């Protein structure tokens, strides 16, 4: 009798196991899964920590994305290179990250590369530019790479209040000039700020990029800037954009207030 009951219980257990497995399979087959930030392939310029779970479930920073990349002819055999990246992390910034522009000819062969190191603040969209890339070979395409990011958690981080005022461009003797003022409304004296200027054609394609810098930028101060292109730009200009960047990771006062011990290093 006892043997019979054990046999019946074993059959019941197997039946319940099969029923449970079938139910779980049907659930995952017909239930939409939560958005994941990675598909296992870095095919959109992503870089960051990936735990494989839904967005927001992973510890640490995620998803630094390459928005666009362009090469722009300037003077003979010279090109300006520009990439636009986005960091959607509210409290995670990048102290340093390696970047590389790779240029190719019509046959897909590598002509040359230009590389450097930059930083990206939390919740920042940033243009990375390299000017005066020389090539006697016609450039057909470009690829932009990011790697070796050092992430830093910044607590209570708010966007630095660096305001652009009265920006505009003018054509002087066949050459474009972008001018404006920048105001430091943040709570910090800044050692150096970098100002990036971009000019766009009717189709919102970048036709010129330039940069300048301002040193020792004090709280409440307003300074003027000029970015010039000492060559003729063939296309008509319809729009402009000005961005201001500063490396807060090099500012001891800022880091003392906002930095936390949390860091991630990518290789």
Protein backbone atom coordinates (compact mmCIF):
# COMPACT_ATOMS: atom_id res chain seq x y z
CA UNK A 1 0.00 0.00 0.00
CA UNK A 2 2.81 2.37 0.95
CA UNK A 3 4.61 1.55 -2.32
CA UNK A 4 1.43 2.35 -4.26
CA UNK A 5 1.04 5.76 -2.56
CA UNK A 6 4.70 6.64 -3.26
CA UNK A 7 4.21 5.71 -6.93
CA UNK A 8 1.14 7.91 -7.19
CA UNK A 9 2.93 10.82 -5.54
CA UNK A 10 5.85 10.46 -7.98
CA UNK A 11 3.47 10.57 -10.94
CA UNK A 12 1.74 13.63 -9.49
CA UNK A 13 5.09 15.39 -8.97
CA UNK A 14 6.17 14.75 -12.57
CA UNK A 15 2.80 15.99 -13.83
CA UNK A 16 3.00 19.21 -11.78
CA UNK A 17 6.59 19.83 -12.93
CA UNK A 18 5.59 19.51 -16.59
CA UNK A 19 2.58 21.76 -16.02
CA UNK A 20 4.70 24.43 -14.32
CA UNK A 21 7.36 24.37 -17.05
CA UNK A 22 4.68 24.69 -19.72
CA UNK A 23 3.10 27.64 -17.93
CA UNK A 24 6.41 29.48 -17.59
CA UNK A 25 7.20 28.88 -21.26
CA UNK A 26 3.82 30.24 -22.36
CA UNK A 27 4.27 33.32 -20.12
CA UNK A 28 7.63 34.29 -21.59
CA UNK A 29 6.44 33.51 -25.11
CA UNK A 30 3.43 35.83 -25.02
CA UNK A 31 4.43 38.44 -22.42
CA UNK A 32 6.51 41.43 -23.68
CA UNK A 33 9.78 41.62 -21.82
CA UNK A 34 11.11 44.80 -20.24
CA UNK A 35 13.29 47.03 -22.38
CA UNK A 36 16.93 46.05 -22.35
CA UNK A 37 19.62 48.60 -23.02
CA UNK A 38 21.91 46.16 -24.81
CA UNK A 39 21.38 43.49 -27.42
CA UNK A 40 24.71 41.83 -26.73
CA UNK A 41 26.28 43.60 -29.71
CA UNK A 42 27.74 47.09 -29.49
CA UNK A 43 26.24 48.07 -32.82
CA UNK A 44 25.06 51.54 -31.86
CA UNK A 45 28.17 52.89 -30.18
CA UNK A 46 27.10 51.80 -26.70
CA UNK A 47 29.61 51.67 -23.89
CA UNK A 48 28.91 51.05 -20.24
CA UNK A 49 28.14 48.40 -17.66
CA UNK A 50 25.77 45.65 -18.86
CA UNK A 51 24.29 43.15 -16.41
CA UNK A 52 21.94 41.75 -19.06
CA UNK A 53 18.77 42.80 -17.24
CA UNK A 54 16.10 45.43 -17.92
CA UNK A 55 17.10 49.08 -18.14
CA UNK A 56 17.70 50.54 -14.71
CA UNK A 57 18.29 47.17 -13.05
CA UNK A 58 22.07 47.15 -13.38
CA UNK A 59 24.41 48.69 -10.83
CA UNK A 60 26.56 51.48 -12.17
CA UNK A 61 26.46 53.51 -15.38
CA UNK A 62 25.03 52.42 -18.70
CA UNK A 63 24.74 53.35 -22.32
CA UNK A 64 27.05 56.07 -23.57
CA UNK A 65 25.80 56.34 -27.14
CA UNK A 66 27.34 57.70 -30.32
CA UNK A 67 24.69 59.91 -31.96
CA UNK A 68 26.52 60.97 -35.12
CA UNK A 69 29.93 61.17 -36.77
CA UNK A 70 31.09 63.42 -39.62
CA UNK A 71 34.19 64.48 -41.54
CA UNK A 72 34.24 67.97 -43.04
CA UNK A 73 36.57 69.19 -45.80
CA UNK A 74 38.21 72.53 -44.96
CA UNK A 75 41.30 73.69 -46.85
CA UNK A 76 43.06 71.53 -49.46
CA UNK A 77 43.70 67.97 -48.16
CA UNK A 78 42.51 68.90 -44.67
CA UNK A 79 39.46 67.71 -42.78
CA UNK A 80 37.78 68.43 -39.45
CA UNK A 81 36.39 65.40 -37.64
CA UNK A 82 33.39 65.54 -35.30
CA UNK A 83 31.40 63.00 -33.30
CA UNK A 84 28.38 63.58 -31.07
CA UNK A 85 27.95 61.40 -27.98
CA UNK A 86 25.24 61.25 -25.34
CA UNK A 87 25.47 60.26 -21.66
CA UNK A 88 21.93 59.76 -20.26
CA UNK A 89 23.16 58.82 -16.77
CA UNK A 90 21.99 61.43 -14.28
CA UNK A 91 24.73 60.89 -11.69
CA UNK A 92 27.44 59.01 -13.56
CA UNK A 93 30.11 60.88 -15.50
CA UNK A 94 33.25 59.76 -17.31
CA UNK A 95 36.55 61.02 -15.90
CA UNK A 96 38.37 59.85 -19.02
CA UNK A 97 37.60 57.84 -22.13
CA UNK A 98 39.71 57.04 -25.18
CA UNK A 99 38.30 57.89 -28.60
CA UNK A 100 39.49 57.24 -32.12
CA UNK A 101 38.42 58.50 -35.55
CA UNK A 102 39.17 55.97 -38.31
CA UNK A 103 39.11 57.20 -41.92
CA UNK A 104 38.68 54.93 -44.96
CA UNK A 105 38.97 55.23 -48.76
CA UNK A 106 36.50 54.03 -51.38
CA UNK A 107 37.81 50.46 -51.09
CA UNK A 108 37.25 50.36 -47.36
CA UNK A 109 40.96 50.52 -46.62
CA UNK A 110 42.11 52.45 -43.57
CA UNK A 111 43.71 55.76 -44.54
CA UNK A 112 44.60 56.93 -41.06
CA UNK A 113 43.37 57.51 -37.53
CA UNK A 114 43.15 60.35 -35.05
CA UNK A 115 42.80 59.55 -31.36
CA UNK A 116 42.61 61.31 -28.04
CA UNK A 117 41.14 61.32 -24.53
CA UNK A 118 38.12 63.25 -23.29
CA UNK A 119 35.59 63.37 -20.45
CA UNK A 120 31.77 63.42 -20.40
CA UNK A 121 29.65 64.86 -17.59
CA UNK A 122 26.40 63.28 -16.34
CA UNK A 123 23.37 63.89 -18.55
CA UNK A 124 25.55 65.59 -21.15
CA UNK A 125 25.46 65.57 -24.93
CA UNK A 126 28.93 66.34 -26.18
CA UNK A 127 30.66 67.07 -29.46
CA UNK A 128 34.18 65.65 -29.77
CA UNK A 129 36.21 67.28 -32.52
CA UNK A 130 39.64 66.91 -34.07
CA UNK A 131 40.74 69.57 -36.53
CA UNK A 132 43.21 69.63 -39.41
CA UNK A 133 43.35 65.92 -40.24
CA UNK A 134 45.60 65.77 -43.33
CA UNK A 135 45.01 63.28 -46.13
CA UNK A 136 45.93 63.41 -49.81
CA UNK A 137 43.69 60.37 -50.37
CA UNK A 138 39.98 60.99 -50.77
CA UNK A 139 38.02 60.02 -47.65
CA UNK A 140 34.91 57.94 -48.31
CA UNK A 141 33.79 56.98 -44.81
CA UNK A 142 34.59 57.31 -41.12
CA UNK A 143 34.16 55.19 -38.01
CA UNK A 144 34.27 56.56 -34.45
CA UNK A 145 35.30 54.36 -31.51
CA UNK A 146 35.08 54.72 -27.72
CA UNK A 147 36.86 52.53 -25.16
CA UNK A 148 38.56 52.42 -21.75
CA UNK A 149 35.98 54.53 -19.94
CA UNK A 150 36.56 55.45 -16.29
CA UNK A 151 33.15 56.15 -14.71
CA UNK A 152 32.70 58.28 -11.58
CA UNK A 153 29.52 58.62 -9.52
CA UNK A 154 28.75 62.27 -8.74
CA UNK A 155 26.14 62.73 -6.02
CA UNK A 156 23.61 65.58 -6.20
CA UNK A 157 24.98 66.59 -9.59
CA UNK A 158 23.21 69.42 -11.36
CA UNK A 159 24.03 70.79 -14.78
CA UNK A 160 26.70 73.47 -14.62
CA UNK A 161 25.09 76.84 -15.25
CA UNK A 162 27.22 78.09 -18.15
CA UNK A 163 24.92 80.23 -20.26
CA UNK A 164 25.49 81.34 -23.84
CA UNK A 165 24.25 84.85 -24.64
CA UNK A 166 23.91 86.78 -27.90
CA UNK A 167 25.49 84.16 -30.13
CA UNK A 168 25.50 84.78 -33.86
CA UNK A 169 27.55 84.47 -37.00
CA UNK A 170 28.57 86.93 -39.68
CA UNK A 171 30.34 86.82 -43.01
CA UNK A 172 33.42 89.06 -43.07
CA UNK A 173 35.51 89.23 -46.26
CA UNK A 174 34.26 85.83 -47.38
CA UNK A 175 34.99 84.15 -44.03
CA UNK A 176 32.53 83.21 -41.29
CA UNK A 177 32.92 84.37 -37.71
CA UNK A 178 30.87 83.12 -34.73
CA UNK A 179 30.67 85.41 -31.71
CA UNK A 180 28.86 85.52 -28.39
CA UNK A 181 29.12 85.77 -24.62
CA UNK A 182 29.25 83.07 -21.97
CA UNK A 183 28.17 83.63 -18.37
CA UNK A 184 29.31 81.59 -15.36
CA UNK A 185 26.18 81.18 -13.24
CA UNK A 186 27.50 78.08 -11.49
CA UNK A 187 28.78 77.95 -7.91
CA UNK A 188 32.38 77.33 -8.94
CA UNK A 189 35.33 79.27 -10.26
CA UNK A 190 36.49 77.33 -13.31
CA UNK A 191 40.08 76.92 -14.42
CA UNK A 192 39.31 76.43 -18.13
CA UNK A 193 36.21 76.17 -20.29
CA UNK A 194 36.11 74.97 -23.89
CA UNK A 195 33.63 76.50 -26.34
CA UNK A 196 32.58 74.51 -29.40
CA UNK A 197 30.88 76.22 -32.34
CA UNK A 198 29.07 74.45 -35.17
CA UNK A 199 27.52 75.81 -38.36
CA UNK A 200 24.75 73.95 -40.21
CA UNK A 201 23.37 74.08 -43.75
CA UNK A 202 19.71 74.05 -44.77
CA UNK A 203 19.48 70.29 -44.20
CA UNK A 204 20.95 70.61 -40.68
CA UNK A 205 24.21 68.98 -41.78
CA UNK A 206 27.35 70.24 -40.05
CA UNK A 207 29.48 72.22 -42.50
CA UNK A 208 31.97 73.78 -40.07
CA UNK A 209 33.22 73.17 -36.53
CA UNK A 210 35.56 75.26 -34.43
CA UNK A 211 36.61 75.78 -30.84
CA UNK A 212 38.22 78.23 -28.46
CA UNK A 213 38.84 78.34 -24.72
CA UNK A 214 38.64 80.73 -21.77
CA UNK A 215 40.91 80.46 -18.73
CA UNK A 216 40.20 81.46 -15.11
CA UNK A 217 36.44 81.87 -15.42
CA UNK A 218 35.11 83.24 -12.13
CA UNK A 219 31.65 82.91 -10.53
CA UNK A 220 29.24 85.50 -11.97
CA UNK A 221 31.63 86.52 -14.72
CA UNK A 222 30.61 87.06 -18.36
CA UNK A 223 33.22 86.74 -21.10
CA UNK A 224 33.05 87.18 -24.86
CA UNK A 225 34.37 84.68 -27.41
CA UNK A 226 35.13 84.50 -31.13
CA UNK A 227 35.46 81.42 -33.35
CA UNK A 228 36.76 82.06 -36.86
CA UNK A 229 37.05 79.92 -39.98
CA UNK A 230 39.97 81.24 -42.05
CA UNK A 231 38.69 79.72 -45.27
CA UNK A 232 35.60 80.02 -47.42
CA UNK A 233 32.65 77.80 -46.54
CA UNK A 234 30.95 76.80 -49.76
CA UNK A 235 27.45 76.14 -48.40
CA UNK A 236 25.04 78.74 -47.11
CA UNK A 237 24.65 78.77 -43.32
CA UNK A 238 21.14 78.40 -41.88
CA UNK A 239 21.76 77.58 -38.23
CA UNK A 240 24.40 77.45 -35.50
CA UNK A 241 25.01 75.69 -32.20
CA UNK A 242 27.34 76.60 -29.34
CA UNK A 243 28.31 74.20 -26.53
CA UNK A 244 30.42 74.89 -23.43
CA UNK A 245 32.40 72.17 -21.63
CA UNK A 246 34.59 72.11 -18.55
CA UNK A 247 36.43 69.24 -16.87
CA UNK A 248 35.04 69.21 -13.33
CA UNK A 249 36.95 66.02 -12.62
CA UNK A 250 40.11 68.14 -12.44
CA UNK A 251 38.54 70.56 -9.95
CA UNK A 252 39.41 69.56 -6.37
CA UNK A 253 36.67 71.75 -4.86
CA UNK A 254 33.98 70.29 -7.10
CA UNK A 255 35.09 66.69 -6.54
CA UNK A 256 35.27 67.16 -2.79
CA UNK A 257 31.56 68.05 -2.76
CA UNK A 258 30.16 65.72 -5.41
CA UNK A 259 32.46 62.71 -5.86
CA UNK A 260 31.63 59.36 -4.26
CA UNK A 261 33.87 56.28 -3.87
CA UNK A 262 31.86 54.45 -6.56
CA UNK A 263 33.81 53.91 -9.77
CA UNK A 264 33.71 51.58 -12.76
CA UNK A 265 36.55 50.98 -15.19
CA UNK A 266 35.99 49.54 -18.66
CA UNK A 267 38.64 47.87 -20.79
